[in-house]
Every structure is written in structure tokens, then in C-alpha cells.
Amino acid sequence: MGGFMVGIKHRVCEFDINAGRIITMLRTRMGISQQDLGKKLGVTFQQIQKYESGKSRLNAARLNDICRVFEISPAAFYDEVNKSYVHDKNMTCLINTVYKLPNNKRKIIFQIATAFHLAG
């Protein structure tokens, strides 16, 4: 009876993909690798890859563990998942790339983006 899920393939849905993007962004902000996050959670980096790609669904306990590592509440995590930029793969890629830059270069990009925004 315990193995009733065996053989059932997880269908990737938009929420899983967006949750994975948030995990990637939070991990990148902290400057930790998939391997480091996996160690903190007691899973392999391959499992982290599956969470980040949306191929593995997060259960409530795992989401709680992830939120604890990132020092955010599950409610804050869900708020992030529902933000519009998360639905745009290019935007999340840009955010992740900017977070990997040194602070002085991040400030330059922020100044450029602000100038373009103000120029309308």
C-alpha cells in the first residue's frame, strides 16, 4: 500500500517552475552552490537541480526546510512565486546574473536601469 505512487510521473506545472526559479534566485543571492544547498538540506545537488527546474515537486516539509535556509517564511516564498517577474524566464535569468556580480558592478547596472526607466 505504501508504494502507490511508484510509476506515476510528476507533471511539471507552472507553479513548480516558478518555485524553482525562486529557489535559484534565493540561492544565488546567498552565493551558495547547488551542492552547498543540498548539503544544508541533506539531499544531493541533483535533487536541487530537479527542484530548480520544476521536475521535482516540493512537499511542505521540504519547502519549510528551504525557507529556513534562506531565512524567509513560507508565506514570503509564496509571495515571490506569484510575482510577475518570476513568470518571465529572461527576467529571472537577468536577476540571477546580476546577483553574481560584485557590488560595484551591480550598482552600475542599477544606475543604468534607473536612467532608462526615468527617460521613459
N, C-alpha and C. Protein backbone atom coordinates (compact mmCIF):
# COMPACT_ATOMS: atom_id res chain seq x y z
N MET A 1 0.81 -1.19 0.00
CA MET A 1 0.00 0.00 0.00
C MET A 1 0.86 1.26 0.00
N GLY A 2 2.04 1.22 0.65
CA GLY A 2 2.89 2.39 0.76
C GLY A 2 3.48 2.83 -0.57
N GLY A 3 3.50 1.97 -1.59
CA GLY A 3 4.14 2.32 -2.85
C GLY A 3 3.18 2.69 -3.94
N PHE A 4 2.01 3.22 -3.59
CA PHE A 4 1.01 3.52 -4.61
C PHE A 4 1.45 4.58 -5.59
N MET A 5 2.47 5.39 -5.28
CA MET A 5 2.94 6.45 -6.17
C MET A 5 3.99 5.95 -7.16
N VAL A 6 4.47 4.74 -6.99
CA VAL A 6 5.51 4.20 -7.85
C VAL A 6 5.01 4.17 -9.29
N GLY A 7 5.81 4.67 -10.18
CA GLY A 7 5.46 4.65 -11.59
C GLY A 7 4.66 5.85 -12.05
N ILE A 8 4.18 6.66 -11.13
CA ILE A 8 3.43 7.85 -11.51
C ILE A 8 4.42 8.98 -11.75
N LYS A 9 4.41 9.51 -12.95
CA LYS A 9 5.35 10.56 -13.32
C LYS A 9 4.78 11.93 -12.93
N HIS A 10 5.63 12.74 -12.35
CA HIS A 10 5.26 14.10 -11.97
C HIS A 10 5.10 14.95 -13.22
N ARG A 11 3.96 15.60 -13.35
CA ARG A 11 3.75 16.54 -14.45
C ARG A 11 4.18 17.92 -13.99
N VAL A 12 5.12 18.49 -14.72
CA VAL A 12 5.62 19.82 -14.37
C VAL A 12 4.52 20.84 -14.63
N CYS A 13 4.27 21.68 -13.64
CA CYS A 13 3.28 22.74 -13.82
C CYS A 13 3.96 24.09 -13.62
N GLU A 14 3.26 25.15 -13.95
CA GLU A 14 3.84 26.49 -13.89
C GLU A 14 4.29 26.84 -12.48
N PHE A 15 3.53 26.44 -11.47
CA PHE A 15 3.93 26.74 -10.10
C PHE A 15 5.27 26.10 -9.76
N ASP A 16 5.47 24.84 -10.16
CA ASP A 16 6.73 24.15 -9.88
C ASP A 16 7.91 24.87 -10.54
N ILE A 17 7.71 25.31 -11.76
CA ILE A 17 8.76 26.03 -12.49
C ILE A 17 9.08 27.36 -11.80
N ASN A 18 8.05 28.09 -11.43
CA ASN A 18 8.25 29.38 -10.77
C ASN A 18 8.88 29.21 -9.39
N ALA A 19 8.47 28.19 -8.65
CA ALA A 19 9.07 27.92 -7.34
C ALA A 19 10.56 27.60 -7.53
N GLY A 20 10.88 26.85 -8.57
CA GLY A 20 12.28 26.54 -8.86
C GLY A 20 13.09 27.78 -9.18
N ARG A 21 12.48 28.71 -9.90
CA ARG A 21 13.18 29.97 -10.22
C ARG A 21 13.45 30.77 -8.95
N ILE A 22 12.51 30.76 -8.02
CA ILE A 22 12.70 31.47 -6.76
C ILE A 22 13.83 30.82 -5.96
N ILE A 23 13.86 29.50 -5.92
CA ILE A 23 14.95 28.82 -5.22
C ILE A 23 16.29 29.21 -5.82
N THR A 24 16.36 29.23 -7.15
CA THR A 24 17.61 29.62 -7.82
C THR A 24 18.00 31.04 -7.45
N MET A 25 17.04 31.96 -7.47
CA MET A 25 17.34 33.35 -7.14
C MET A 25 17.80 33.50 -5.70
N LEU A 26 17.11 32.84 -4.78
CA LEU A 26 17.49 32.94 -3.38
C LEU A 26 18.87 32.34 -3.13
N ARG A 27 19.13 31.21 -3.78
CA ARG A 27 20.43 30.55 -3.64
C ARG A 27 21.53 31.44 -4.21
N THR A 28 21.27 32.04 -5.34
CA THR A 28 22.26 32.92 -5.98
C THR A 28 22.53 34.14 -5.12
N ARG A 29 21.48 34.73 -4.53
CA ARG A 29 21.65 35.88 -3.64
C ARG A 29 22.55 35.54 -2.47
N MET A 30 22.41 34.32 -1.96
CA MET A 30 23.23 33.90 -0.82
C MET A 30 24.64 33.52 -1.25
N GLY A 31 24.83 33.35 -2.56
CA GLY A 31 26.14 32.99 -3.06
C GLY A 31 26.52 31.55 -2.76
N ILE A 32 25.53 30.67 -2.71
CA ILE A 32 25.83 29.26 -2.45
C ILE A 32 25.52 28.42 -3.68
N SER A 33 26.25 27.34 -3.82
CA SER A 33 26.07 26.43 -4.96
C SER A 33 24.91 25.48 -4.70
N GLN A 34 24.52 24.78 -5.74
CA GLN A 34 23.50 23.74 -5.59
C GLN A 34 24.00 22.66 -4.63
N GLN A 35 25.28 22.36 -4.71
CA GLN A 35 25.86 21.35 -3.83
C GLN A 35 25.79 21.81 -2.37
N ASP A 36 26.12 23.08 -2.11
CA ASP A 36 26.06 23.61 -0.75
C ASP A 36 24.63 23.59 -0.21
N LEU A 37 23.67 23.99 -1.04
CA LEU A 37 22.27 23.96 -0.61
C LEU A 37 21.84 22.52 -0.33
N GLY A 38 22.24 21.61 -1.20
CA GLY A 38 21.91 20.20 -0.99
C GLY A 38 22.44 19.69 0.33
N LYS A 39 23.67 20.06 0.68
CA LYS A 39 24.25 19.63 1.96
C LYS A 39 23.44 20.18 3.13
N LYS A 40 23.02 21.44 3.03
CA LYS A 40 22.23 22.04 4.11
C LYS A 40 20.88 21.35 4.27
N LEU A 41 20.36 20.80 3.16
CA LEU A 41 19.05 20.15 3.19
C LEU A 41 19.13 18.63 3.33
N GLY A 42 20.35 18.10 3.21
CA GLY A 42 20.52 16.66 3.30
C GLY A 42 20.10 15.91 2.04
N VAL A 43 20.25 16.60 0.89
CA VAL A 43 19.93 15.97 -0.40
C VAL A 43 21.09 16.21 -1.36
N THR A 44 21.08 15.54 -2.49
CA THR A 44 22.13 15.70 -3.49
C THR A 44 21.92 16.99 -4.29
N PHE A 45 23.00 17.44 -4.94
CA PHE A 45 22.85 18.62 -5.80
C PHE A 45 21.94 18.31 -6.98
N GLN A 46 21.89 17.02 -7.37
CA GLN A 46 20.98 16.64 -8.46
C GLN A 46 19.53 16.89 -8.06
N GLN A 47 19.21 16.64 -6.78
CA GLN A 47 17.85 16.90 -6.31
C GLN A 47 17.57 18.39 -6.32
N ILE A 48 18.56 19.19 -5.96
CA ILE A 48 18.39 20.65 -6.02
C ILE A 48 18.13 21.07 -7.47
N GLN A 49 18.87 20.48 -8.41
CA GLN A 49 18.63 20.77 -9.84
C GLN A 49 17.19 20.45 -10.22
N LYS A 50 16.67 19.34 -9.72
CA LYS A 50 15.29 18.95 -10.03
C LYS A 50 14.30 19.95 -9.44
N TYR A 51 14.56 20.41 -8.21
CA TYR A 51 13.68 21.43 -7.63
C TYR A 51 13.74 22.71 -8.45
N GLU A 52 14.94 23.13 -8.82
CA GLU A 52 15.11 24.39 -9.54
C GLU A 52 14.53 24.34 -10.95
N SER A 53 14.52 23.17 -11.56
CA SER A 53 13.94 23.05 -12.91
C SER A 53 12.44 22.79 -12.88
N GLY A 54 11.90 22.51 -11.69
CA GLY A 54 10.48 22.20 -11.58
C GLY A 54 10.18 20.74 -11.82
N LYS A 55 11.21 19.92 -12.01
CA LYS A 55 11.00 18.50 -12.30
C LYS A 55 10.63 17.70 -11.05
N SER A 56 10.96 18.23 -9.87
CA SER A 56 10.55 17.62 -8.61
C SER A 56 9.68 18.60 -7.86
N ARG A 57 8.56 18.13 -7.40
CA ARG A 57 7.64 18.97 -6.66
C ARG A 57 8.09 19.08 -5.21
N LEU A 58 8.00 20.26 -4.67
CA LEU A 58 8.35 20.48 -3.26
C LEU A 58 7.19 20.07 -2.37
N ASN A 59 7.47 19.24 -1.36
CA ASN A 59 6.43 18.99 -0.37
C ASN A 59 6.54 20.06 0.71
N ALA A 60 5.57 20.12 1.60
CA ALA A 60 5.52 21.18 2.60
C ALA A 60 6.75 21.14 3.51
N ALA A 61 7.17 19.96 3.91
CA ALA A 61 8.32 19.85 4.81
C ALA A 61 9.59 20.35 4.13
N ARG A 62 9.79 19.99 2.87
CA ARG A 62 10.99 20.43 2.15
C ARG A 62 10.95 21.93 1.93
N LEU A 63 9.79 22.47 1.59
CA LEU A 63 9.66 23.92 1.42
C LEU A 63 10.01 24.63 2.72
N ASN A 64 9.54 24.10 3.83
CA ASN A 64 9.85 24.69 5.13
C ASN A 64 11.36 24.66 5.39
N ASP A 65 12.02 23.54 5.04
CA ASP A 65 13.48 23.44 5.20
C ASP A 65 14.20 24.48 4.34
N ILE A 66 13.75 24.62 3.10
CA ILE A 66 14.36 25.57 2.18
C ILE A 66 14.19 26.99 2.70
N CYS A 67 13.00 27.30 3.18
CA CYS A 67 12.75 28.64 3.72
C CYS A 67 13.62 28.91 4.95
N ARG A 68 13.85 27.90 5.75
CA ARG A 68 14.70 28.06 6.93
C ARG A 68 16.13 28.41 6.50
N VAL A 69 16.63 27.72 5.47
CA VAL A 69 17.99 28.01 4.97
C VAL A 69 18.07 29.45 4.47
N PHE A 70 17.04 29.90 3.75
CA PHE A 70 17.06 31.24 3.17
C PHE A 70 16.56 32.32 4.14
N GLU A 71 16.17 31.88 5.34
CA GLU A 71 15.70 32.79 6.38
C GLU A 71 14.51 33.64 5.92
N ILE A 72 13.54 32.96 5.29
CA ILE A 72 12.29 33.61 4.91
C ILE A 72 11.15 32.69 5.36
N SER A 73 9.97 33.25 5.43
CA SER A 73 8.81 32.44 5.79
C SER A 73 8.24 31.77 4.54
N PRO A 74 7.54 30.65 4.72
CA PRO A 74 6.86 30.05 3.55
C PRO A 74 5.91 31.04 2.88
N ALA A 75 5.27 31.90 3.66
CA ALA A 75 4.36 32.90 3.08
C ALA A 75 5.13 33.85 2.16
N ALA A 76 6.32 34.27 2.59
CA ALA A 76 7.15 35.15 1.75
C ALA A 76 7.57 34.43 0.48
N PHE A 77 7.88 33.13 0.60
CA PHE A 77 8.25 32.34 -0.57
C PHE A 77 7.09 32.33 -1.57
N TYR A 78 5.87 32.03 -1.09
CA TYR A 78 4.70 32.01 -1.98
C TYR A 78 4.44 33.37 -2.59
N ASP A 79 4.66 34.44 -1.83
CA ASP A 79 4.50 35.79 -2.39
C ASP A 79 5.45 35.99 -3.57
N GLU A 80 6.71 35.54 -3.42
CA GLU A 80 7.69 35.66 -4.50
C GLU A 80 7.26 34.87 -5.73
N VAL A 81 6.77 33.65 -5.53
CA VAL A 81 6.35 32.79 -6.64
C VAL A 81 5.26 33.47 -7.47
N ASN A 82 4.43 34.26 -6.84
CA ASN A 82 3.31 34.88 -7.54
C ASN A 82 3.63 36.23 -8.17
N LYS A 83 4.86 36.71 -8.02
CA LYS A 83 5.23 37.99 -8.63
C LYS A 83 5.44 37.82 -10.13
N SER A 84 5.11 38.85 -10.87
CA SER A 84 5.11 38.75 -12.33
C SER A 84 6.48 38.46 -12.93
N TYR A 85 7.56 39.01 -12.35
CA TYR A 85 8.87 38.79 -12.96
C TYR A 85 9.28 37.32 -12.94
N VAL A 86 8.73 36.56 -12.03
CA VAL A 86 9.07 35.14 -11.93
C VAL A 86 8.56 34.38 -13.15
N HIS A 87 7.50 34.86 -13.75
CA HIS A 87 6.90 34.20 -14.90
C HIS A 87 7.68 34.46 -16.19
N ASP A 88 8.66 35.35 -16.14
CA ASP A 88 9.47 35.70 -17.30
C ASP A 88 10.87 35.10 -17.13
N LYS A 89 11.16 34.06 -17.90
CA LYS A 89 12.44 33.35 -17.77
C LYS A 89 13.62 34.29 -18.00
N ASN A 90 13.51 35.20 -18.95
CA ASN A 90 14.61 36.14 -19.22
C ASN A 90 14.86 37.06 -18.03
N MET A 91 13.79 37.48 -17.38
CA MET A 91 13.93 38.37 -16.23
C MET A 91 14.60 37.64 -15.06
N THR A 92 14.20 36.42 -14.80
CA THR A 92 14.82 35.69 -13.69
C THR A 92 16.28 35.38 -14.01
N CYS A 93 16.59 35.13 -15.26
CA CYS A 93 17.99 34.91 -15.67
C CYS A 93 18.80 36.18 -15.45
N LEU A 94 18.25 37.33 -15.82
CA LEU A 94 18.93 38.61 -15.62
C LEU A 94 19.18 38.86 -14.13
N ILE A 95 18.18 38.63 -13.31
CA ILE A 95 18.32 38.85 -11.87
C ILE A 95 19.42 37.95 -11.31
N ASN A 96 19.41 36.68 -11.68
CA ASN A 96 20.43 35.76 -11.20
C ASN A 96 21.82 36.18 -11.64
N THR A 97 21.94 36.65 -12.87
CA THR A 97 23.24 37.09 -13.39
C THR A 97 23.74 38.32 -12.64
N VAL A 98 22.85 39.27 -12.40
CA VAL A 98 23.23 40.49 -11.69
C VAL A 98 23.67 40.17 -10.26
N TYR A 99 22.99 39.25 -9.60
CA TYR A 99 23.37 38.89 -8.23
C TYR A 99 24.75 38.26 -8.15
N LYS A 100 25.21 37.69 -9.25
CA LYS A 100 26.54 37.06 -9.25
C LYS A 100 27.67 38.08 -9.41
N LEU A 101 27.32 39.31 -9.78
CA LEU A 101 28.33 40.35 -10.00
C LEU A 101 28.77 40.96 -8.67
N PRO A 102 29.98 41.52 -8.66
CA PRO A 102 30.43 42.26 -7.46
C PRO A 102 29.54 43.49 -7.24
N ASN A 103 29.46 43.95 -6.01
CA ASN A 103 28.58 45.07 -5.66
C ASN A 103 28.79 46.31 -6.51
N ASN A 104 30.05 46.65 -6.81
CA ASN A 104 30.30 47.87 -7.59
C ASN A 104 29.71 47.77 -9.00
N LYS A 105 29.76 46.58 -9.59
CA LYS A 105 29.17 46.40 -10.93
C LYS A 105 27.66 46.34 -10.86
N ARG A 106 27.10 45.79 -9.78
CA ARG A 106 25.65 45.78 -9.59
C ARG A 106 25.12 47.20 -9.51
N LYS A 107 25.86 48.08 -8.82
CA LYS A 107 25.44 49.48 -8.69
C LYS A 107 25.40 50.17 -10.04
N ILE A 108 26.37 49.87 -10.89
CA ILE A 108 26.40 50.46 -12.24
C ILE A 108 25.18 50.02 -13.04
N ILE A 109 24.86 48.73 -12.99
CA ILE A 109 23.69 48.22 -13.71
C ILE A 109 22.42 48.86 -13.18
N PHE A 110 22.34 49.01 -11.85
CA PHE A 110 21.17 49.65 -11.26
C PHE A 110 21.04 51.10 -11.75
N GLN A 111 22.16 51.82 -11.81
CA GLN A 111 22.14 53.21 -12.28
C GLN A 111 21.69 53.29 -13.74
N ILE A 112 22.18 52.37 -14.55
CA ILE A 112 21.78 52.35 -15.97
C ILE A 112 20.29 52.06 -16.10
N ALA A 113 19.82 51.06 -15.40
CA ALA A 113 18.40 50.69 -15.46
C ALA A 113 17.52 51.83 -14.97
N THR A 114 17.95 52.49 -13.91
CA THR A 114 17.19 53.61 -13.38
C THR A 114 17.13 54.77 -14.39
N ALA A 115 18.27 55.03 -15.04
CA ALA A 115 18.30 56.09 -16.04
C ALA A 115 17.36 55.79 -17.21
N PHE A 116 17.35 54.54 -17.67
CA PHE A 116 16.44 54.16 -18.76
C PHE A 116 14.99 54.29 -18.31
N HIS A 117 14.71 53.88 -17.09
CA HIS A 117 13.33 53.97 -16.57
C HIS A 117 12.87 55.43 -16.50
N LEU A 118 13.74 56.28 -15.99
CA LEU A 118 13.38 57.70 -15.86
C LEU A 118 13.26 58.40 -17.20
N ALA A 119 14.03 57.91 -18.19
CA ALA A 119 13.99 58.51 -19.52
C ALA A 119 12.70 58.15 -20.24
N GLY A 120 12.06 57.06 -19.76
CA GLY A 120 10.75 56.66 -20.28
C GLY A 120 10.82 56.08 -21.62
